[in-house]
Amino acid sequence: MSDLVSPRPLDSVCVFCASSDGIDPAYRQDAALLGKALAEAGIRLVYGGGDVGLMGACARAAHEAGGDVLGIIPDFLTGRERPYAEVETVIVTSMHERKMMMFENSDAFVVLPGGIGTLEEVIEILSWRRLALHAKPVVFYDPNGFWSALFEHFRRMADEGLAPVSFDENWVATTRIEAVIPALRAALPAGLDAAPGAAEVT
C-alpha cells in the first residue's frame, strides 16, 4: 500500500450509504441530489453496486444526469442488493475485495446516512488516514445530527487519550447536501483543487 498516500485530483468519489429501502424519503432525495451533482461536476461515482436504498437513488440520479458510475458488489450480495444494470458493475468475491477496489478507484469519500455496513466502511477509511496510508478527503453528510453521536465518540476517544486530538482533522461534516462537493474540494491536499484541512461545514 506504499503508493496509496499519493494525492490525486477530484475525478472520482466513493459514496458510502444505506442499502435499506426502509429509510427516510428525505435521505433518498438527498442521495439523488448528490448523484446528480457529481454527474454535473464531471466526477465519477463509485458505490456499492446495488439498486436499493440510498445506493440505488444516488447511482440512478448520477446515471440519468449523464454521469460515469462504477458499482462494485460481492457475488453473495447480488440477490439482496440487486446490481444496477444500467451502469458498469464489477462483481467481486468478498467484502474485502469490494472495499479495496472502491478505495483504489476513488479520490475522496462521502458518507451518507447508513447502517452498520456504512459505518464499517468509513471506520476503515478513517483508520487508514490515521495511519497515514492515504490523504483522501472524507466528508460526512450529517442531516438531523445523524452522525453526531459518532463524532462525539471520536472526541471522547481523543479526550481519553485513545486517539490524537488531531484525529478530527481526518474528516469534514456538513448538514447541507449542496455543500458536500465544495467540502470535498476544500479538503483536498495542497496543490490540487484547494488548500488542505478539515472542519465542520454548516
N, C-alpha and C. Protein backbone atom coordinates (compact mmCIF):
# COMPACT_ATOMS: atom_id res chain seq x y z
N MET A 1 0.82 -1.21 0.00
CA MET A 1 0.00 0.00 0.00
C MET A 1 0.86 1.26 0.00
N SER A 2 2.13 1.16 -0.35
CA SER A 2 3.02 2.31 -0.24
C SER A 2 2.64 3.44 -1.18
N ASP A 3 1.93 3.15 -2.30
CA ASP A 3 1.58 4.19 -3.24
C ASP A 3 0.23 4.83 -2.96
N LEU A 4 -0.47 4.37 -1.91
CA LEU A 4 -1.83 4.83 -1.68
C LEU A 4 -1.88 6.23 -1.10
N VAL A 5 -0.79 6.72 -0.54
CA VAL A 5 -0.83 8.02 0.10
C VAL A 5 -0.75 9.15 -0.91
N SER A 6 -0.32 8.88 -2.13
CA SER A 6 -0.16 9.94 -3.13
C SER A 6 -1.52 10.56 -3.47
N PRO A 7 -1.66 11.88 -3.28
CA PRO A 7 -2.94 12.52 -3.56
C PRO A 7 -3.20 12.65 -5.06
N ARG A 8 -4.50 12.68 -5.44
CA ARG A 8 -4.89 12.85 -6.83
C ARG A 8 -5.98 13.91 -6.89
N PRO A 9 -6.22 14.52 -8.05
CA PRO A 9 -7.32 15.49 -8.16
C PRO A 9 -8.66 14.79 -7.98
N LEU A 10 -9.70 15.58 -7.85
CA LEU A 10 -11.03 15.04 -7.54
C LEU A 10 -11.75 14.62 -8.83
N ASP A 11 -11.44 13.43 -9.31
CA ASP A 11 -12.07 12.90 -10.52
C ASP A 11 -13.09 11.82 -10.21
N SER A 12 -12.97 11.18 -9.05
CA SER A 12 -13.80 10.01 -8.74
C SER A 12 -14.08 9.99 -7.24
N VAL A 13 -15.35 9.90 -6.87
CA VAL A 13 -15.74 9.94 -5.45
C VAL A 13 -16.53 8.70 -5.09
N CYS A 14 -16.14 8.07 -4.00
CA CYS A 14 -16.86 6.91 -3.47
C CYS A 14 -17.90 7.39 -2.47
N VAL A 15 -19.12 6.90 -2.61
CA VAL A 15 -20.20 7.23 -1.69
C VAL A 15 -20.57 5.98 -0.90
N PHE A 16 -20.43 6.07 0.42
CA PHE A 16 -20.88 5.01 1.33
C PHE A 16 -22.26 5.41 1.83
N CYS A 17 -23.22 4.49 1.79
CA CYS A 17 -24.58 4.84 2.23
C CYS A 17 -25.43 3.60 2.41
N ALA A 18 -26.65 3.81 2.87
CA ALA A 18 -27.56 2.73 3.21
C ALA A 18 -28.01 1.94 1.99
N SER A 19 -28.14 0.62 2.17
CA SER A 19 -28.76 -0.24 1.16
C SER A 19 -30.21 -0.55 1.52
N SER A 20 -30.66 -0.08 2.67
CA SER A 20 -32.03 -0.36 3.12
C SER A 20 -33.04 0.50 2.37
N ASP A 21 -34.16 -0.11 2.01
CA ASP A 21 -35.24 0.64 1.37
C ASP A 21 -36.17 1.28 2.39
N GLY A 22 -36.05 0.91 3.66
CA GLY A 22 -36.94 1.44 4.67
C GLY A 22 -36.39 2.68 5.34
N ILE A 23 -35.81 3.59 4.56
CA ILE A 23 -35.14 4.75 5.12
C ILE A 23 -35.96 6.01 4.85
N ASP A 24 -35.70 7.05 5.60
CA ASP A 24 -36.39 8.33 5.44
C ASP A 24 -36.36 8.78 3.98
N PRO A 25 -37.51 9.06 3.38
CA PRO A 25 -37.54 9.50 1.98
C PRO A 25 -36.70 10.76 1.73
N ALA A 26 -36.55 11.60 2.75
CA ALA A 26 -35.73 12.80 2.58
C ALA A 26 -34.28 12.43 2.35
N TYR A 27 -33.80 11.37 2.99
CA TYR A 27 -32.43 10.92 2.77
C TYR A 27 -32.27 10.39 1.34
N ARG A 28 -33.30 9.71 0.85
CA ARG A 28 -33.26 9.20 -0.51
C ARG A 28 -33.18 10.35 -1.52
N GLN A 29 -33.95 11.40 -1.26
CA GLN A 29 -33.92 12.57 -2.13
C GLN A 29 -32.54 13.23 -2.11
N ASP A 30 -31.94 13.31 -0.93
CA ASP A 30 -30.60 13.90 -0.81
C ASP A 30 -29.57 13.06 -1.56
N ALA A 31 -29.69 11.74 -1.48
CA ALA A 31 -28.76 10.87 -2.20
C ALA A 31 -28.87 11.10 -3.69
N ALA A 32 -30.09 11.28 -4.18
CA ALA A 32 -30.29 11.56 -5.60
C ALA A 32 -29.71 12.91 -5.99
N LEU A 33 -29.88 13.90 -5.14
CA LEU A 33 -29.31 15.22 -5.41
C LEU A 33 -27.79 15.15 -5.50
N LEU A 34 -27.18 14.35 -4.63
CA LEU A 34 -25.73 14.21 -4.67
C LEU A 34 -25.29 13.50 -5.94
N GLY A 35 -25.98 12.43 -6.33
CA GLY A 35 -25.63 11.74 -7.56
C GLY A 35 -25.69 12.66 -8.76
N LYS A 36 -26.74 13.46 -8.84
CA LYS A 36 -26.90 14.41 -9.95
C LYS A 36 -25.79 15.45 -9.92
N ALA A 37 -25.46 15.95 -8.73
CA ALA A 37 -24.42 16.97 -8.61
C ALA A 37 -23.05 16.43 -9.02
N LEU A 38 -22.76 15.18 -8.64
CA LEU A 38 -21.49 14.57 -9.05
C LEU A 38 -21.42 14.48 -10.57
N ALA A 39 -22.50 14.05 -11.19
CA ALA A 39 -22.52 13.93 -12.65
C ALA A 39 -22.31 15.30 -13.30
N GLU A 40 -23.00 16.30 -12.80
CA GLU A 40 -22.89 17.64 -13.38
C GLU A 40 -21.50 18.23 -13.19
N ALA A 41 -20.80 17.80 -12.14
CA ALA A 41 -19.44 18.27 -11.89
C ALA A 41 -18.39 17.45 -12.65
N GLY A 42 -18.84 16.44 -13.38
CA GLY A 42 -17.91 15.59 -14.12
C GLY A 42 -17.11 14.67 -13.23
N ILE A 43 -17.67 14.31 -12.08
CA ILE A 43 -17.00 13.44 -11.12
C ILE A 43 -17.65 12.05 -11.17
N ARG A 44 -16.84 11.04 -11.36
CA ARG A 44 -17.36 9.67 -11.39
C ARG A 44 -17.83 9.25 -10.00
N LEU A 45 -18.96 8.58 -9.95
CA LEU A 45 -19.47 7.98 -8.72
C LEU A 45 -19.01 6.54 -8.62
N VAL A 46 -18.38 6.20 -7.51
CA VAL A 46 -18.05 4.81 -7.17
C VAL A 46 -18.92 4.44 -5.98
N TYR A 47 -19.60 3.31 -6.06
CA TYR A 47 -20.52 2.97 -4.97
C TYR A 47 -20.65 1.46 -4.86
N GLY A 48 -21.48 1.01 -3.94
CA GLY A 48 -21.57 -0.41 -3.62
C GLY A 48 -22.27 -1.29 -4.61
N GLY A 49 -22.75 -0.75 -5.72
CA GLY A 49 -23.25 -1.57 -6.81
C GLY A 49 -24.72 -1.92 -6.79
N GLY A 50 -25.41 -1.67 -5.68
CA GLY A 50 -26.80 -2.09 -5.56
C GLY A 50 -27.79 -1.09 -6.13
N ASP A 51 -28.98 -1.58 -6.46
CA ASP A 51 -30.07 -0.74 -6.95
C ASP A 51 -31.14 -0.61 -5.87
N VAL A 52 -30.70 -0.49 -4.63
CA VAL A 52 -31.60 -0.41 -3.49
C VAL A 52 -31.16 0.73 -2.58
N GLY A 53 -32.08 1.20 -1.74
CA GLY A 53 -31.76 2.19 -0.73
C GLY A 53 -31.15 3.46 -1.30
N LEU A 54 -30.31 4.10 -0.50
CA LEU A 54 -29.65 5.32 -0.93
C LEU A 54 -28.65 5.04 -2.04
N MET A 55 -28.07 3.83 -2.03
CA MET A 55 -27.14 3.44 -3.09
C MET A 55 -27.82 3.56 -4.45
N GLY A 56 -28.97 2.95 -4.58
CA GLY A 56 -29.67 2.97 -5.85
C GLY A 56 -30.11 4.37 -6.25
N ALA A 57 -30.59 5.15 -5.28
CA ALA A 57 -31.04 6.51 -5.58
C ALA A 57 -29.89 7.37 -6.10
N CYS A 58 -28.73 7.26 -5.48
CA CYS A 58 -27.57 8.04 -5.88
C CYS A 58 -27.09 7.62 -7.26
N ALA A 59 -26.98 6.32 -7.48
CA ALA A 59 -26.48 5.80 -8.76
C ALA A 59 -27.42 6.12 -9.90
N ARG A 60 -28.71 5.95 -9.69
CA ARG A 60 -29.68 6.23 -10.76
C ARG A 60 -29.64 7.70 -11.15
N ALA A 61 -29.59 8.57 -10.15
CA ALA A 61 -29.58 10.01 -10.44
C ALA A 61 -28.31 10.41 -11.19
N ALA A 62 -27.17 9.84 -10.78
CA ALA A 62 -25.92 10.14 -11.47
C ALA A 62 -25.97 9.66 -12.92
N HIS A 63 -26.45 8.44 -13.12
CA HIS A 63 -26.53 7.87 -14.46
C HIS A 63 -27.49 8.68 -15.34
N GLU A 64 -28.66 9.01 -14.81
CA GLU A 64 -29.67 9.73 -15.58
C GLU A 64 -29.22 11.15 -15.93
N ALA A 65 -28.28 11.69 -15.14
CA ALA A 65 -27.73 13.01 -15.43
C ALA A 65 -26.51 12.93 -16.35
N GLY A 66 -26.23 11.74 -16.86
CA GLY A 66 -25.13 11.58 -17.80
C GLY A 66 -23.78 11.34 -17.17
N GLY A 67 -23.76 10.99 -15.88
CA GLY A 67 -22.51 10.78 -15.17
C GLY A 67 -21.94 9.39 -15.36
N ASP A 68 -20.67 9.26 -15.03
CA ASP A 68 -19.96 7.99 -15.06
C ASP A 68 -20.14 7.32 -13.70
N VAL A 69 -20.55 6.07 -13.69
CA VAL A 69 -20.84 5.36 -12.45
C VAL A 69 -20.16 4.00 -12.47
N LEU A 70 -19.50 3.67 -11.37
CA LEU A 70 -18.90 2.34 -11.20
C LEU A 70 -19.46 1.70 -9.94
N GLY A 71 -20.13 0.56 -10.10
CA GLY A 71 -20.63 -0.19 -8.96
C GLY A 71 -19.72 -1.38 -8.68
N ILE A 72 -19.53 -1.68 -7.40
CA ILE A 72 -18.69 -2.81 -7.00
C ILE A 72 -19.45 -3.60 -5.95
N ILE A 73 -19.74 -4.86 -6.23
CA ILE A 73 -20.59 -5.64 -5.34
C ILE A 73 -20.08 -7.07 -5.22
N PRO A 74 -20.10 -7.65 -4.01
CA PRO A 74 -19.71 -9.06 -3.86
C PRO A 74 -20.78 -9.97 -4.45
N ASP A 75 -20.37 -11.12 -4.96
CA ASP A 75 -21.32 -12.02 -5.59
C ASP A 75 -22.43 -12.46 -4.65
N PHE A 76 -22.12 -12.63 -3.36
CA PHE A 76 -23.14 -13.14 -2.44
C PHE A 76 -24.21 -12.10 -2.11
N LEU A 77 -23.99 -10.82 -2.52
CA LEU A 77 -24.99 -9.79 -2.26
C LEU A 77 -25.84 -9.47 -3.48
N THR A 78 -25.55 -10.10 -4.60
CA THR A 78 -26.26 -9.73 -5.82
C THR A 78 -27.76 -10.03 -5.76
N GLY A 79 -28.15 -11.02 -4.98
CA GLY A 79 -29.56 -11.31 -4.83
C GLY A 79 -30.26 -10.36 -3.91
N ARG A 80 -29.55 -9.88 -2.91
CA ARG A 80 -30.15 -9.00 -1.90
C ARG A 80 -30.13 -7.53 -2.33
N GLU A 81 -29.03 -7.08 -2.91
CA GLU A 81 -28.89 -5.66 -3.24
C GLU A 81 -29.10 -5.36 -4.72
N ARG A 82 -29.31 -6.38 -5.54
CA ARG A 82 -29.70 -6.24 -6.95
C ARG A 82 -28.86 -5.22 -7.70
N PRO A 83 -27.80 -5.64 -8.35
CA PRO A 83 -26.96 -4.71 -9.09
C PRO A 83 -27.75 -3.84 -10.06
N TYR A 84 -27.34 -2.59 -10.19
CA TYR A 84 -27.99 -1.65 -11.09
C TYR A 84 -27.45 -1.90 -12.50
N ALA A 85 -28.27 -2.49 -13.35
CA ALA A 85 -27.83 -3.00 -14.64
C ALA A 85 -27.45 -1.92 -15.64
N GLU A 86 -27.85 -0.68 -15.40
CA GLU A 86 -27.61 0.39 -16.37
C GLU A 86 -26.20 0.96 -16.31
N VAL A 87 -25.43 0.59 -15.30
CA VAL A 87 -24.09 1.16 -15.14
C VAL A 87 -23.04 0.04 -15.08
N GLU A 88 -21.79 0.43 -15.24
CA GLU A 88 -20.71 -0.55 -15.13
C GLU A 88 -20.68 -1.12 -13.71
N THR A 89 -20.71 -2.42 -13.60
CA THR A 89 -20.69 -3.06 -12.29
C THR A 89 -19.68 -4.19 -12.29
N VAL A 90 -18.82 -4.19 -11.28
CA VAL A 90 -17.83 -5.24 -11.11
C VAL A 90 -18.29 -6.15 -9.97
N ILE A 91 -18.36 -7.43 -10.21
CA ILE A 91 -18.75 -8.39 -9.18
C ILE A 91 -17.48 -9.04 -8.64
N VAL A 92 -17.28 -8.90 -7.33
CA VAL A 92 -16.08 -9.42 -6.68
C VAL A 92 -16.45 -10.58 -5.76
N THR A 93 -15.45 -11.16 -5.11
CA THR A 93 -15.69 -12.37 -4.32
C THR A 93 -15.86 -12.13 -2.83
N SER A 94 -15.52 -10.92 -2.34
CA SER A 94 -15.58 -10.70 -0.90
C SER A 94 -15.78 -9.23 -0.59
N MET A 95 -16.18 -8.94 0.65
CA MET A 95 -16.31 -7.56 1.11
C MET A 95 -14.95 -6.88 1.12
N HIS A 96 -13.91 -7.61 1.46
CA HIS A 96 -12.57 -7.03 1.50
C HIS A 96 -12.14 -6.57 0.10
N GLU A 97 -12.41 -7.40 -0.90
CA GLU A 97 -12.07 -7.03 -2.26
C GLU A 97 -12.89 -5.83 -2.72
N ARG A 98 -14.15 -5.81 -2.35
CA ARG A 98 -15.01 -4.67 -2.70
C ARG A 98 -14.45 -3.38 -2.13
N LYS A 99 -14.13 -3.39 -0.85
CA LYS A 99 -13.65 -2.16 -0.21
C LYS A 99 -12.32 -1.70 -0.78
N MET A 100 -11.41 -2.63 -1.06
CA MET A 100 -10.13 -2.24 -1.64
C MET A 100 -10.32 -1.66 -3.03
N MET A 101 -11.20 -2.26 -3.83
CA MET A 101 -11.43 -1.74 -5.18
C MET A 101 -12.09 -0.37 -5.13
N MET A 102 -13.00 -0.18 -4.19
CA MET A 102 -13.63 1.14 -4.02
C MET A 102 -12.57 2.17 -3.64
N PHE A 103 -11.69 1.79 -2.73
CA PHE A 103 -10.61 2.70 -2.32
C PHE A 103 -9.72 3.06 -3.49
N GLU A 104 -9.27 2.05 -4.23
CA GLU A 104 -8.31 2.28 -5.31
C GLU A 104 -8.89 3.11 -6.45
N ASN A 105 -10.21 3.07 -6.61
CA ASN A 105 -10.85 3.79 -7.71
C ASN A 105 -11.41 5.15 -7.30
N SER A 106 -11.09 5.61 -6.10
CA SER A 106 -11.68 6.86 -5.59
C SER A 106 -10.62 7.83 -5.12
N ASP A 107 -10.92 9.12 -5.31
CA ASP A 107 -10.04 10.19 -4.84
C ASP A 107 -10.53 10.79 -3.53
N ALA A 108 -11.77 10.46 -3.13
CA ALA A 108 -12.35 11.01 -1.91
C ALA A 108 -13.57 10.16 -1.56
N PHE A 109 -14.10 10.40 -0.36
CA PHE A 109 -15.22 9.60 0.15
C PHE A 109 -16.30 10.49 0.75
N VAL A 110 -17.55 10.13 0.45
CA VAL A 110 -18.70 10.80 1.05
C VAL A 110 -19.47 9.75 1.84
N VAL A 111 -19.89 10.12 3.04
CA VAL A 111 -20.62 9.21 3.91
C VAL A 111 -22.02 9.77 4.13
N LEU A 112 -23.02 9.12 3.54
CA LEU A 112 -24.42 9.47 3.75
C LEU A 112 -24.96 8.62 4.90
N PRO A 113 -26.18 8.90 5.38
CA PRO A 113 -26.76 8.04 6.40
C PRO A 113 -26.73 6.56 5.98
N GLY A 114 -26.44 5.71 6.94
CA GLY A 114 -26.36 4.28 6.65
C GLY A 114 -26.30 3.48 7.92
N GLY A 115 -26.25 2.18 7.77
CA GLY A 115 -26.24 1.27 8.91
C GLY A 115 -24.84 0.78 9.24
N ILE A 116 -24.78 -0.45 9.77
CA ILE A 116 -23.51 -0.98 10.26
C ILE A 116 -22.51 -1.17 9.13
N GLY A 117 -22.98 -1.51 7.93
CA GLY A 117 -22.07 -1.67 6.80
C GLY A 117 -21.41 -0.36 6.41
N THR A 118 -22.20 0.71 6.37
CA THR A 118 -21.66 2.05 6.07
C THR A 118 -20.66 2.46 7.13
N LEU A 119 -21.00 2.21 8.39
CA LEU A 119 -20.11 2.57 9.49
C LEU A 119 -18.80 1.80 9.38
N GLU A 120 -18.88 0.52 9.07
CA GLU A 120 -17.67 -0.29 8.96
C GLU A 120 -16.77 0.22 7.83
N GLU A 121 -17.38 0.61 6.72
CA GLU A 121 -16.59 1.11 5.59
C GLU A 121 -15.85 2.39 5.93
N VAL A 122 -16.54 3.33 6.54
CA VAL A 122 -15.88 4.62 6.80
C VAL A 122 -14.87 4.51 7.94
N ILE A 123 -15.11 3.65 8.92
CA ILE A 123 -14.14 3.49 10.00
C ILE A 123 -12.82 2.96 9.45
N GLU A 124 -12.89 2.04 8.50
CA GLU A 124 -11.66 1.54 7.91
C GLU A 124 -10.92 2.64 7.16
N ILE A 125 -11.66 3.45 6.40
CA ILE A 125 -11.04 4.55 5.66
C ILE A 125 -10.40 5.56 6.62
N LEU A 126 -11.08 5.86 7.72
CA LEU A 126 -10.52 6.79 8.71
C LEU A 126 -9.31 6.19 9.41
N SER A 127 -9.35 4.89 9.66
CA SER A 127 -8.20 4.21 10.27
C SER A 127 -6.99 4.32 9.37
N TRP A 128 -7.19 4.12 8.07
CA TRP A 128 -6.07 4.21 7.13
C TRP A 128 -5.53 5.64 7.06
N ARG A 129 -6.43 6.64 7.17
CA ARG A 129 -5.95 8.03 7.21
C ARG A 129 -5.14 8.27 8.47
N ARG A 130 -5.61 7.75 9.57
CA ARG A 130 -4.90 7.90 10.85
C ARG A 130 -3.50 7.31 10.77
N LEU A 131 -3.35 6.24 9.98
CA LEU A 131 -2.06 5.58 9.81
C LEU A 131 -1.23 6.18 8.67
N ALA A 132 -1.72 7.29 8.11
CA ALA A 132 -1.04 7.99 7.02
C ALA A 132 -0.87 7.13 5.77
N LEU A 133 -1.83 6.23 5.53
CA LEU A 133 -1.80 5.40 4.33
C LEU A 133 -2.45 6.11 3.14
N HIS A 134 -3.18 7.17 3.42
CA HIS A 134 -3.75 7.99 2.35
C HIS A 134 -4.08 9.37 2.90
N ALA A 135 -4.33 10.29 1.97
CA ALA A 135 -4.71 11.66 2.35
C ALA A 135 -5.98 12.07 1.62
N LYS A 136 -6.82 11.09 1.30
CA LYS A 136 -8.04 11.37 0.55
C LYS A 136 -9.11 11.96 1.48
N PRO A 137 -9.80 13.01 1.02
CA PRO A 137 -10.84 13.63 1.86
C PRO A 137 -11.97 12.68 2.22
N VAL A 138 -12.52 12.88 3.41
CA VAL A 138 -13.69 12.14 3.89
C VAL A 138 -14.71 13.16 4.35
N VAL A 139 -15.88 13.17 3.74
CA VAL A 139 -16.93 14.13 4.10
C VAL A 139 -18.18 13.37 4.53
N PHE A 140 -18.64 13.67 5.74
CA PHE A 140 -19.90 13.12 6.25
C PHE A 140 -21.03 14.09 5.92
N TYR A 141 -22.11 13.57 5.37
CA TYR A 141 -23.35 14.35 5.29
C TYR A 141 -24.16 13.99 6.53
N ASP A 142 -24.43 15.00 7.35
CA ASP A 142 -24.97 14.79 8.69
C ASP A 142 -26.33 15.47 8.88
N PRO A 143 -27.37 15.02 8.16
CA PRO A 143 -28.69 15.64 8.34
C PRO A 143 -29.31 15.26 9.67
N ASN A 144 -29.92 16.22 10.31
CA ASN A 144 -30.61 15.98 11.58
C ASN A 144 -29.70 15.35 12.63
N GLY A 145 -28.41 15.65 12.56
CA GLY A 145 -27.46 15.11 13.54
C GLY A 145 -27.28 13.61 13.44
N PHE A 146 -27.50 13.03 12.25
CA PHE A 146 -27.44 11.57 12.11
C PHE A 146 -26.13 10.99 12.63
N TRP A 147 -25.00 11.66 12.33
CA TRP A 147 -23.69 11.15 12.71
C TRP A 147 -23.14 11.82 13.98
N SER A 148 -23.92 12.64 14.63
CA SER A 148 -23.40 13.43 15.76
C SER A 148 -22.87 12.56 16.89
N ALA A 149 -23.56 11.47 17.19
CA ALA A 149 -23.09 10.59 18.28
C ALA A 149 -21.74 9.97 17.94
N LEU A 150 -21.53 9.66 16.67
CA LEU A 150 -20.24 9.12 16.25
C LEU A 150 -19.14 10.16 16.43
N PHE A 151 -19.42 11.40 16.02
CA PHE A 151 -18.43 12.47 16.19
C PHE A 151 -18.10 12.67 17.67
N GLU A 152 -19.15 12.61 18.50
CA GLU A 152 -18.94 12.76 19.94
C GLU A 152 -18.04 11.65 20.48
N HIS A 153 -18.25 10.44 19.96
CA HIS A 153 -17.41 9.32 20.42
C HIS A 153 -15.97 9.49 19.95
N PHE A 154 -15.75 9.97 18.73
CA PHE A 154 -14.40 10.27 18.28
C PHE A 154 -13.71 11.23 19.26
N ARG A 155 -14.45 12.26 19.66
CA ARG A 155 -13.86 13.27 20.55
C ARG A 155 -13.62 12.70 21.94
N ARG A 156 -14.49 11.80 22.38
CA ARG A 156 -14.26 11.15 23.67
C ARG A 156 -13.00 10.30 23.62
N MET A 157 -12.78 9.60 22.51
CA MET A 157 -11.56 8.81 22.38
C MET A 157 -10.33 9.70 22.50
N ALA A 158 -10.39 10.88 21.88
CA ALA A 158 -9.27 11.82 21.99
C ALA A 158 -9.13 12.33 23.42
N ASP A 159 -10.26 12.66 24.06
CA ASP A 159 -10.23 13.16 25.44
C ASP A 159 -9.62 12.15 26.39
N GLU A 160 -9.84 10.86 26.11
CA GLU A 160 -9.35 9.81 27.00
C GLU A 160 -8.00 9.24 26.54
N GLY A 161 -7.37 9.93 25.61
CA GLY A 161 -6.03 9.55 25.19
C GLY A 161 -5.95 8.35 24.27
N LEU A 162 -7.08 7.96 23.69
CA LEU A 162 -7.11 6.78 22.81
C LEU A 162 -6.93 7.14 21.35
N ALA A 163 -6.95 8.41 21.04
CA ALA A 163 -6.72 8.91 19.69
C ALA A 163 -6.13 10.30 19.83
N PRO A 164 -5.34 10.74 18.86
CA PRO A 164 -4.77 12.09 18.95
C PRO A 164 -5.85 13.15 18.82
N VAL A 165 -5.63 14.29 19.42
CA VAL A 165 -6.58 15.41 19.29
C VAL A 165 -6.78 15.78 17.83
N SER A 166 -5.76 15.58 17.03
CA SER A 166 -5.81 15.93 15.60
C SER A 166 -6.65 14.96 14.78
N PHE A 167 -7.20 13.91 15.40
CA PHE A 167 -7.98 12.95 14.64
C PHE A 167 -9.15 13.60 13.92
N ASP A 168 -9.75 14.64 14.51
CA ASP A 168 -10.87 15.33 13.89
C ASP A 168 -10.50 15.96 12.55
N GLU A 169 -9.21 16.13 12.30
CA GLU A 169 -8.78 16.72 11.04
C GLU A 169 -8.88 15.72 9.88
N ASN A 170 -9.22 14.48 10.18
CA ASN A 170 -9.31 13.45 9.15
C ASN A 170 -10.65 13.41 8.43
N TRP A 171 -11.59 14.22 8.86
CA TRP A 171 -12.91 14.20 8.25
C TRP A 171 -13.56 15.58 8.34
N VAL A 172 -14.56 15.78 7.51
CA VAL A 172 -15.34 17.01 7.45
C VAL A 172 -16.81 16.63 7.56
N ALA A 173 -17.60 17.48 8.18
CA ALA A 173 -19.04 17.22 8.27
C ALA A 173 -19.81 18.42 7.74
N THR A 174 -20.89 18.15 7.03
CA THR A 174 -21.78 19.20 6.58
C THR A 174 -23.23 18.76 6.78
N THR A 175 -24.08 19.72 7.05
CA THR A 175 -25.51 19.43 7.21
C THR A 175 -26.30 19.77 5.95
N ARG A 176 -25.61 20.21 4.90
CA ARG A 176 -26.28 20.59 3.65
C ARG A 176 -25.74 19.74 2.50
N ILE A 177 -26.62 19.08 1.79
CA ILE A 177 -26.17 18.19 0.72
C ILE A 177 -25.45 18.98 -0.37
N GLU A 178 -25.87 20.22 -0.61
CA GLU A 178 -25.22 21.01 -1.65
C GLU A 178 -23.81 21.46 -1.27
N ALA A 179 -23.45 21.30 0.00
CA ALA A 179 -22.11 21.68 0.46
C ALA A 179 -21.12 20.52 0.37
N VAL A 180 -21.59 19.33 0.00
CA VAL A 180 -20.71 18.16 0.02
C VAL A 180 -19.55 18.29 -0.96
N ILE A 181 -19.84 18.60 -2.22
CA ILE A 181 -18.76 18.69 -3.21
C ILE A 181 -17.80 19.83 -2.90
N PRO A 182 -18.29 21.04 -2.54
CA PRO A 182 -17.35 22.08 -2.10
C PRO A 182 -16.49 21.66 -0.91
N ALA A 183 -17.08 20.90 0.02
CA ALA A 183 -16.31 20.43 1.18
C ALA A 183 -15.22 19.45 0.75
N LEU A 184 -15.53 18.59 -0.21
CA LEU A 184 -14.53 17.67 -0.73
C LEU A 184 -13.36 18.44 -1.34
N ARG A 185 -13.68 19.43 -2.17
CA ARG A 185 -12.63 20.20 -2.82
C ARG A 185 -11.80 20.97 -1.79
N ALA A 186 -12.44 21.52 -0.78
CA ALA A 186 -11.72 22.29 0.24
C ALA A 186 -10.80 21.41 1.07
N ALA A 187 -11.11 20.11 1.15
CA ALA A 187 -10.31 19.19 1.97
C ALA A 187 -9.21 18.51 1.19
N LEU A 188 -9.11 18.77 -0.11
CA LEU A 188 -8.04 18.16 -0.89
C LEU A 188 -6.69 18.66 -0.42
N PRO A 189 -5.66 17.83 -0.50
CA PRO A 189 -4.31 18.27 -0.14
C PRO A 189 -3.87 19.46 -0.97
N ALA A 190 -2.99 20.26 -0.42
CA ALA A 190 -2.50 21.45 -1.09
C ALA A 190 -1.90 21.09 -2.44
N GLY A 191 -2.11 21.99 -3.41
CA GLY A 191 -1.56 21.77 -4.74
C GLY A 191 -2.54 21.11 -5.68
N LEU A 192 -3.69 20.67 -5.17
CA LEU A 192 -4.70 20.11 -6.03
C LEU A 192 -5.81 21.16 -6.19
N ASP A 193 -7.05 20.85 -5.83
CA ASP A 193 -8.14 21.81 -6.06
C ASP A 193 -8.14 22.94 -5.04
N ALA A 194 -7.67 22.68 -3.83
CA ALA A 194 -7.77 23.68 -2.76
C ALA A 194 -6.77 23.37 -1.69
N ALA A 195 -6.75 24.21 -0.66
CA ALA A 195 -5.82 24.02 0.45
C ALA A 195 -6.28 22.86 1.32
N PRO A 196 -5.36 22.25 2.10
CA PRO A 196 -5.74 21.13 2.96
C PRO A 196 -6.51 21.60 4.17
N GLY A 197 -7.06 20.63 4.88
CA GLY A 197 -7.72 20.96 6.13
C GLY A 197 -9.06 20.28 6.22
N ALA A 198 -9.56 20.12 7.42
CA ALA A 198 -10.87 19.54 7.64
C ALA A 198 -11.55 20.32 8.73
N ALA A 199 -12.83 20.54 8.56
CA ALA A 199 -13.56 21.34 9.52
C ALA A 199 -15.02 20.99 9.42
N GLU A 200 -15.80 21.45 10.35
CA GLU A 200 -17.24 21.22 10.28
C GLU A 200 -17.86 22.31 9.43
N VAL A 201 -18.61 21.93 8.41
CA VAL A 201 -19.21 22.86 7.48
C VAL A 201 -20.69 22.84 7.71
N THR A 202 -21.30 23.98 7.88
CA THR A 202 -22.75 24.03 8.06
C THR A 202 -23.44 24.31 6.74
